Amino acid sequence: MKHMKSILGIGNALTDILAILPDDSLLRQYHLPKGSMQHVDMETGDRIWASLKPMGVHYVAGGSAANTITCTSIFGMPSAFIGKIGDDELGHLFKSDEEQYGVKCTLLKGKNSSGRSMVFVTEANAERTFAVYLGAALELVPEDLKQEYFEGYDYFHIEGYLVQNQDLIRTAVEMAKKAGCIISLDMASYNVVESNDAFLHNLIDKYVDIVFANESESRAFTKMEEPHDALNVIAEYCKIAVVKVGKAGSWVKKGDEEYFIEPWPGEAVDATGAGDTYAAGFLYAHSLGMPVRICGEVGSCLAAKVVEIIGSKIDIPRWKQAKREIRKLIADYQSENE
């Protein structure tokens, strides 16, 4: 058995607080347009949470990079995460949730309360509305990082939401490069891409090996309408480019190799976490030395499982099924290429 490659992620340590609402009255009370994602201040964040508590809520560690790192850990990759939490109940919840999946956490303590993403699911069509309070997660600064955090990891994964903190990301990628990591970036949000355009182009050109983008992010980065054209532009900046087109599948490109990956079958009920799990599957297969086509297939297989459930964590039966399908995919490839 070859030694499993390891991965370190950095991102906003957010706890997802999931509440199923009987009607829209709470959304109206806090001026949250249905289906939107709003950033709220600490006061509002605390008030909303207080009004949710009696309804019976579901807590789960979230945040884009943390979701990805949780999945790589379930695959058996030694996985670690750097983030910042408050010294409070939600911070402890986040830590214990991640550790239960075997993730080694470096969670620094901030002054504000822990970040949270309050997710309201309104019954009729399971539409989701988000109220996000970043809190302590926003307090991560370059001075928090130490070179030793990066040593010994094969991969370093960044969520795009952190790119707004340019000095932090610059310091992190320099440390990761020095530690010899393969660096991957999930663009995470088209408005982050738009507002950090020059920085992001430079960052990817100089440091990033693998880029994950969805359709709107790839368009914001390249000014190209067509995902396939965007893929070609992104691939000029990095070794491997991935453009995900939601239910339609994904494009992957490395040098002259380029593939369209059909979506895996799945009954989609909630798209939360699909991009994060796709990245995890892709990086896991990449760590086994698989070609990009297989990496895309593994990412796609995992993403198809998470969209079948509400929230960003795949349940045990679906994980078992995913592992079976992925083992078969990899074994078939290996037997064809022996």
Protein backbone atom coordinates (compact mmCIF):
# COMPACT_ATOMS: atom_id res chain seq x y z
CA MET A 1 0.00 0.00 0.00
CA LYS A 2 1.50 3.32 -1.12
CA HIS A 3 1.51 6.10 1.40
CA MET A 4 -1.63 8.24 1.05
CA LYS A 5 -0.88 11.82 0.06
CA SER A 6 -1.98 14.50 2.49
CA ILE A 7 -3.90 17.75 2.13
CA LEU A 8 -4.19 21.02 4.04
CA GLY A 9 -7.07 23.45 3.51
CA ILE A 10 -7.63 27.04 4.56
CA GLY A 11 -10.98 28.79 4.69
CA ASN A 12 -13.80 30.33 6.67
CA ALA A 13 -14.66 28.10 9.62
CA LEU A 14 -18.44 28.37 9.46
CA THR A 15 -21.03 26.27 11.21
CA ASP A 16 -24.10 25.66 9.07
CA ILE A 17 -27.27 26.07 11.09
CA LEU A 18 -30.04 24.40 9.16
CA ALA A 19 -33.66 25.21 9.96
CA ILE A 20 -36.76 24.02 8.18
CA LEU A 21 -39.35 26.79 8.32
CA PRO A 22 -43.12 26.24 8.23
CA ASP A 23 -43.65 29.54 6.37
CA ASP A 24 -41.90 32.77 5.31
CA SER A 25 -42.71 34.90 8.36
CA LEU A 26 -39.20 34.65 9.83
CA LEU A 27 -37.64 35.61 6.49
CA ARG A 28 -39.91 38.67 6.35
CA GLN A 29 -39.10 39.60 9.94
CA TYR A 30 -35.37 39.77 9.14
CA HIS A 31 -35.78 41.17 5.59
CA LEU A 32 -34.23 38.14 3.94
CA PRO A 33 -35.42 37.81 0.33
CA LYS A 34 -36.34 34.19 -0.34
CA GLY A 35 -33.58 32.28 -2.10
CA SER A 36 -30.94 34.96 -1.44
CA MET A 37 -27.67 34.96 0.46
CA GLN A 38 -27.27 37.95 2.76
CA HIS A 39 -24.40 38.93 5.01
CA VAL A 40 -25.60 40.01 8.43
CA ASP A 41 -23.90 41.77 11.33
CA MET A 42 -23.24 40.18 14.70
CA GLU A 43 -26.35 41.59 16.36
CA THR A 44 -28.68 40.35 13.63
CA GLY A 45 -26.77 37.07 13.45
CA ASP A 46 -27.29 36.50 17.17
CA ARG A 47 -30.97 37.52 17.06
CA ILE A 48 -31.73 35.18 14.14
CA TRP A 49 -29.95 32.31 15.86
CA ALA A 50 -31.89 32.94 19.09
CA SER A 51 -35.20 32.81 17.22
CA LEU A 52 -34.17 29.60 15.44
CA LYS A 53 -33.04 27.68 18.55
CA PRO A 54 -36.53 26.82 19.82
CA MET A 55 -37.47 25.45 16.39
CA GLY A 56 -35.00 22.59 16.60
CA VAL A 57 -32.07 23.19 14.29
CA HIS A 58 -29.43 21.02 12.74
CA TYR A 59 -25.76 22.02 13.17
CA VAL A 60 -22.97 20.90 10.88
CA ALA A 61 -19.44 22.21 10.28
CA GLY A 62 -19.43 24.04 6.96
CA GLY A 63 -17.49 26.50 4.85
CA SER A 64 -16.26 25.60 1.37
CA ALA A 65 -12.68 24.44 2.05
CA ALA A 66 -13.68 22.70 5.29
CA ASN A 67 -16.32 20.70 3.35
CA THR A 68 -13.69 19.65 0.80
CA ILE A 69 -11.19 18.66 3.49
CA THR A 70 -13.82 16.63 5.36
CA CYS A 71 -14.42 14.57 2.21
CA THR A 72 -10.74 13.98 1.50
CA SER A 73 -10.42 12.77 5.09
CA ILE A 74 -13.28 10.29 4.58
CA PHE A 75 -11.36 8.97 1.55
CA GLY A 76 -8.47 8.26 3.91
CA MET A 77 -6.18 11.14 2.96
CA PRO A 78 -4.50 12.71 6.02
CA SER A 79 -6.38 16.03 5.99
CA ALA A 80 -5.94 19.25 7.96
CA PHE A 81 -7.65 22.63 8.12
CA ILE A 82 -6.67 26.16 9.20
CA GLY A 83 -9.36 28.64 10.23
CA LYS A 84 -10.45 31.02 12.97
CA ILE A 85 -13.34 30.62 15.42
CA GLY A 86 -14.70 32.46 18.44
CA ASP A 87 -14.37 31.08 21.95
CA ASP A 88 -17.98 29.91 22.04
CA GLU A 89 -20.42 27.06 21.63
CA LEU A 90 -20.46 27.24 17.82
CA GLY A 91 -16.67 27.24 17.66
CA HIS A 92 -16.53 24.10 19.78
CA LEU A 93 -19.22 22.51 17.61
CA PHE A 94 -17.19 23.23 14.48
CA LYS A 95 -14.05 21.75 16.00
CA SER A 96 -15.66 18.56 17.26
CA ASP A 97 -17.54 18.06 13.99
CA GLU A 98 -14.35 18.30 11.94
CA GLU A 99 -12.39 16.10 14.33
CA GLN A 100 -15.08 13.44 14.22
CA TYR A 101 -14.23 13.11 10.50
CA GLY A 102 -10.54 12.79 11.31
CA VAL A 103 -9.60 16.31 10.21
CA LYS A 104 -6.63 17.76 12.07
CA CYS A 105 -7.65 21.32 12.89
CA THR A 106 -5.55 24.38 13.56
CA LEU A 107 -8.31 26.68 14.78
CA LEU A 108 -7.10 30.04 15.98
CA LYS A 109 -9.27 32.08 18.35
CA GLY A 110 -10.72 35.39 17.23
CA LYS A 111 -12.37 38.21 19.20
CA ASN A 112 -15.77 38.01 17.50
CA SER A 113 -18.18 35.13 17.82
CA SER A 114 -17.82 32.14 15.51
CA GLY A 115 -18.91 32.42 11.93
CA ARG A 116 -22.15 30.79 10.90
CA SER A 117 -24.25 30.28 7.85
CA MET A 118 -27.90 30.12 8.77
CA VAL A 119 -29.74 28.15 6.14
CA PHE A 120 -33.52 28.39 6.01
CA VAL A 121 -35.31 25.75 4.02
CA THR A 122 -38.88 26.75 3.23
CA GLU A 123 -41.09 23.72 2.93
CA ALA A 124 -42.96 23.94 -0.37
CA ASN A 125 -40.07 23.61 -2.82
CA ALA A 126 -37.14 23.28 -0.39
CA GLU A 127 -35.88 26.70 -1.46
CA ARG A 128 -32.88 27.84 0.55
CA THR A 129 -32.20 31.29 1.96
CA PHE A 130 -28.90 32.10 3.65
CA ALA A 131 -27.98 34.60 6.35
CA VAL A 132 -24.22 34.53 6.82
CA TYR A 133 -22.31 36.06 9.70
CA LEU A 134 -18.57 35.58 9.14
CA GLY A 135 -17.49 36.81 12.57
CA ALA A 136 -14.20 35.42 13.80
CA ALA A 137 -13.55 33.72 10.43
CA LEU A 138 -12.81 37.17 8.97
CA GLU A 139 -10.09 37.82 11.55
CA LEU A 140 -7.58 35.38 10.05
CA VAL A 141 -4.47 37.46 9.28
CA PRO A 142 -1.07 36.73 7.64
CA GLU A 143 0.60 36.87 11.08
CA ASP A 144 -1.50 33.86 12.15
CA LEU A 145 0.27 31.61 9.67
CA LYS A 146 3.43 29.68 10.47
CA GLN A 147 5.60 27.83 7.97
CA GLU A 148 5.39 24.67 10.11
CA TYR A 149 1.61 24.46 9.49
CA PHE A 150 2.39 23.72 5.83
CA GLU A 151 5.30 21.34 6.15
CA GLY A 152 4.72 17.73 5.19
CA TYR A 153 1.53 18.30 3.16
CA ASP A 154 1.30 17.29 -0.50
CA TYR A 155 -1.66 19.53 -1.37
CA PHE A 156 -2.84 22.95 -0.22
CA HIS A 157 -6.46 23.89 -0.99
CA ILE A 158 -7.86 27.45 -0.82
CA GLU A 159 -11.47 28.59 -1.00
CA GLY A 160 -12.05 31.70 -3.10
CA TYR A 161 -14.02 33.40 -0.33
CA LEU A 162 -10.67 34.18 1.35
CA VAL A 163 -9.24 35.93 -1.70
CA GLN A 164 -10.67 39.24 -0.48
CA ASN A 165 -8.00 38.97 2.21
CA GLN A 166 -5.18 39.35 -0.30
CA ASP A 167 -2.26 39.57 2.15
CA LEU A 168 -3.40 36.42 3.93
CA ILE A 169 -3.61 34.44 0.68
CA ARG A 170 -0.29 35.76 -0.60
CA THR A 171 1.44 34.67 2.61
CA ALA A 172 -0.31 31.29 2.57
CA VAL A 173 0.63 30.41 -1.03
CA GLU A 174 4.24 31.46 -0.47
CA MET A 175 4.45 29.17 2.57
CA ALA A 176 2.70 26.34 0.70
CA LYS A 177 5.06 26.69 -2.30
CA LYS A 178 8.05 26.65 0.03
CA ALA A 179 6.69 23.45 1.62
CA GLY A 180 6.43 21.89 -1.86
CA CYS A 181 2.62 21.65 -1.97
CA ILE A 182 0.51 21.31 -5.08
CA ILE A 183 -1.84 24.31 -4.74
CA SER A 184 -5.53 24.17 -5.68
CA LEU A 185 -8.07 26.99 -5.62
CA ASP A 186 -11.83 26.83 -5.74
CA MET A 187 -12.99 30.21 -7.07
CA ALA A 188 -16.10 29.94 -4.86
CA SER A 189 -18.03 33.04 -5.90
CA TYR A 190 -18.25 35.19 -9.01
CA ASN A 191 -18.44 38.47 -7.06
CA VAL A 192 -15.13 37.66 -5.32
CA VAL A 193 -13.63 36.97 -8.75
CA GLU A 194 -14.94 40.28 -10.13
CA SER A 195 -13.70 42.38 -7.23
CA ASN A 196 -10.23 40.80 -7.09
CA ASP A 197 -9.61 40.40 -10.79
CA ALA A 198 -5.97 41.47 -11.18
CA PHE A 199 -4.90 39.85 -7.91
CA LEU A 200 -6.53 36.55 -8.84
CA HIS A 201 -4.98 36.44 -12.33
CA ASN A 202 -1.56 37.04 -10.82
CA LEU A 203 -2.08 34.53 -7.99
CA ILE A 204 -3.17 31.73 -10.33
CA ASP A 205 -0.43 32.50 -12.84
CA LYS A 206 2.33 32.40 -10.23
CA TYR A 207 1.17 29.92 -7.60
CA VAL A 208 -1.90 27.84 -8.38
CA ASP A 209 -1.66 24.42 -10.05
CA ILE A 210 -5.34 23.36 -10.11
CA VAL A 211 -8.29 25.74 -10.53
CA PHE A 212 -11.96 24.85 -9.95
CA ALA A 213 -14.57 27.28 -11.26
CA ASN A 214 -18.28 27.11 -11.98
CA GLU A 215 -19.88 28.73 -15.00
CA SER A 216 -20.43 32.20 -13.51
CA GLU A 217 -16.95 32.30 -11.93
CA SER A 218 -15.26 31.20 -15.14
CA ARG A 219 -17.15 33.92 -17.01
CA ALA A 220 -16.12 36.57 -14.46
CA PHE A 221 -12.47 35.48 -14.66
CA THR A 222 -12.16 35.21 -18.45
CA LYS A 223 -14.95 37.49 -19.78
CA MET A 224 -15.89 34.51 -21.99
CA GLU A 225 -19.52 33.52 -22.37
CA GLU A 226 -18.96 29.85 -23.22
CA PRO A 227 -17.66 27.56 -20.43
CA HIS A 228 -15.48 25.74 -22.97
CA ASP A 229 -13.80 28.97 -24.10
CA ALA A 230 -13.35 29.98 -20.47
CA LEU A 231 -11.72 26.62 -19.77
CA ASN A 232 -9.11 27.27 -22.46
CA VAL A 233 -8.27 30.69 -21.03
CA ILE A 234 -8.01 29.43 -17.41
CA ALA A 235 -5.78 26.56 -18.57
CA GLU A 236 -3.23 29.11 -19.85
CA TYR A 237 -2.73 30.26 -16.26
CA CYS A 238 -2.38 26.92 -14.47
CA LYS A 239 -1.57 23.22 -14.95
CA ILE A 240 -5.13 21.91 -14.60
CA ALA A 241 -8.36 23.82 -15.21
CA VAL A 242 -11.83 22.59 -14.25
CA VAL A 243 -15.06 24.36 -15.23
CA LYS A 244 -18.23 22.91 -13.74
CA VAL A 245 -21.49 23.50 -15.58
CA GLY A 246 -23.87 22.32 -12.86
CA LYS A 247 -26.36 19.66 -13.92
CA ALA A 248 -24.79 19.63 -17.41
CA GLY A 249 -21.46 18.18 -16.19
CA SER A 250 -17.93 19.59 -16.24
CA TRP A 251 -14.93 20.35 -18.45
CA VAL A 252 -11.37 19.42 -17.44
CA LYS A 253 -8.17 20.40 -19.19
CA LYS A 254 -4.47 19.74 -18.66
CA GLY A 255 -2.08 20.80 -21.41
CA ASP A 256 -3.43 19.31 -24.63
CA GLU A 257 -5.70 16.85 -22.86
CA GLU A 258 -9.26 18.02 -22.60
CA TYR A 259 -12.44 16.19 -21.64
CA PHE A 260 -16.10 16.84 -21.11
CA ILE A 261 -17.34 14.84 -18.12
CA GLU A 262 -21.01 13.82 -18.22
CA PRO A 263 -22.85 14.38 -14.92
CA TRP A 264 -23.41 11.27 -12.83
CA PRO A 265 -27.02 10.30 -12.29
CA GLY A 266 -28.57 11.63 -9.09
CA GLU A 267 -31.92 12.96 -7.91
CA ALA A 268 -31.01 16.56 -7.15
CA VAL A 269 -32.82 18.09 -4.16
CA ASP A 270 -30.21 20.58 -2.91
CA ALA A 271 -27.06 21.79 -4.67
CA THR A 272 -25.27 22.86 -1.45
CA GLY A 273 -21.78 21.43 -1.28
CA ALA A 274 -21.70 20.03 -4.82
CA GLY A 275 -18.67 22.11 -5.82
CA ASP A 276 -16.84 21.35 -2.56
CA THR A 277 -17.32 17.60 -2.89
CA TYR A 278 -16.41 17.66 -6.60
CA ALA A 279 -13.07 19.26 -5.66
CA ALA A 280 -12.50 16.61 -2.97
CA GLY A 281 -13.12 13.72 -5.37
CA PHE A 282 -10.93 15.31 -8.03
CA LEU A 283 -8.02 15.95 -5.64
CA TYR A 284 -8.28 12.46 -4.14
CA ALA A 285 -8.04 10.82 -7.60
CA HIS A 286 -5.22 13.22 -8.53
CA SER A 287 -3.32 12.18 -5.41
CA LEU A 288 -3.51 8.56 -6.62
CA GLY A 289 -1.85 9.61 -9.88
CA MET A 290 -5.01 9.31 -11.98
CA PRO A 291 -5.29 11.21 -15.30
CA VAL A 292 -7.55 14.27 -15.37
CA ARG A 293 -10.45 12.46 -17.05
CA ILE A 294 -10.67 9.99 -14.15
CA CYS A 295 -10.24 12.82 -11.62
CA GLY A 296 -13.23 14.56 -13.20
CA GLU A 297 -15.29 11.36 -13.11
CA VAL A 298 -14.52 10.83 -9.41
CA GLY A 299 -15.43 14.46 -8.62
CA SER A 300 -18.63 14.11 -10.59
CA CYS A 301 -19.57 10.85 -8.85
CA LEU A 302 -19.18 12.43 -5.42
CA ALA A 303 -21.05 15.63 -6.37
CA ALA A 304 -24.00 13.53 -7.58
CA LYS A 305 -24.32 12.04 -4.07
CA VAL A 306 -24.34 15.31 -2.12
CA VAL A 307 -27.08 16.90 -4.26
CA GLU A 308 -29.45 14.09 -3.22
CA ILE A 309 -29.54 15.30 0.37
CA ILE A 310 -30.29 18.58 2.13
CA GLY A 311 -27.05 20.18 3.34
CA SER A 312 -23.38 19.69 2.53
CA LYS A 313 -22.61 16.33 4.18
CA ILE A 314 -23.11 13.01 2.40
CA ASP A 315 -24.81 10.33 4.52
CA ILE A 316 -23.20 6.94 5.24
CA PRO A 317 -25.13 4.77 2.73
CA ARG A 318 -24.31 7.22 -0.07
CA TRP A 319 -20.67 7.37 0.98
CA LYS A 320 -20.47 3.58 0.84
CA GLN A 321 -22.01 3.60 -2.62
CA ALA A 322 -19.68 6.41 -3.79
CA LYS A 323 -16.61 4.53 -2.53
CA ARG A 324 -17.71 1.37 -4.36
CA GLU A 325 -18.31 3.26 -7.61
CA ILE A 326 -15.01 5.15 -7.31
CA ARG A 327 -13.01 2.01 -6.51
CA LYS A 328 -14.49 0.37 -9.61
CA LEU A 329 -13.73 3.43 -11.78
CA ILE A 330 -10.09 3.43 -10.69
CA ALA A 331 -9.69 -0.35 -10.92
CA ASP A 332 -11.18 -0.37 -14.45
CA TYR A 333 -8.79 2.36 -15.53
CA GLN A 334 -5.82 0.52 -14.03
CA SER A 335 -6.70 -2.81 -15.67
CA GLU A 336 -7.12 -1.11 -19.08
CA ASN A 337 -3.72 0.52 -18.72
CA GLU A 338 -1.65 -2.34 -17.38
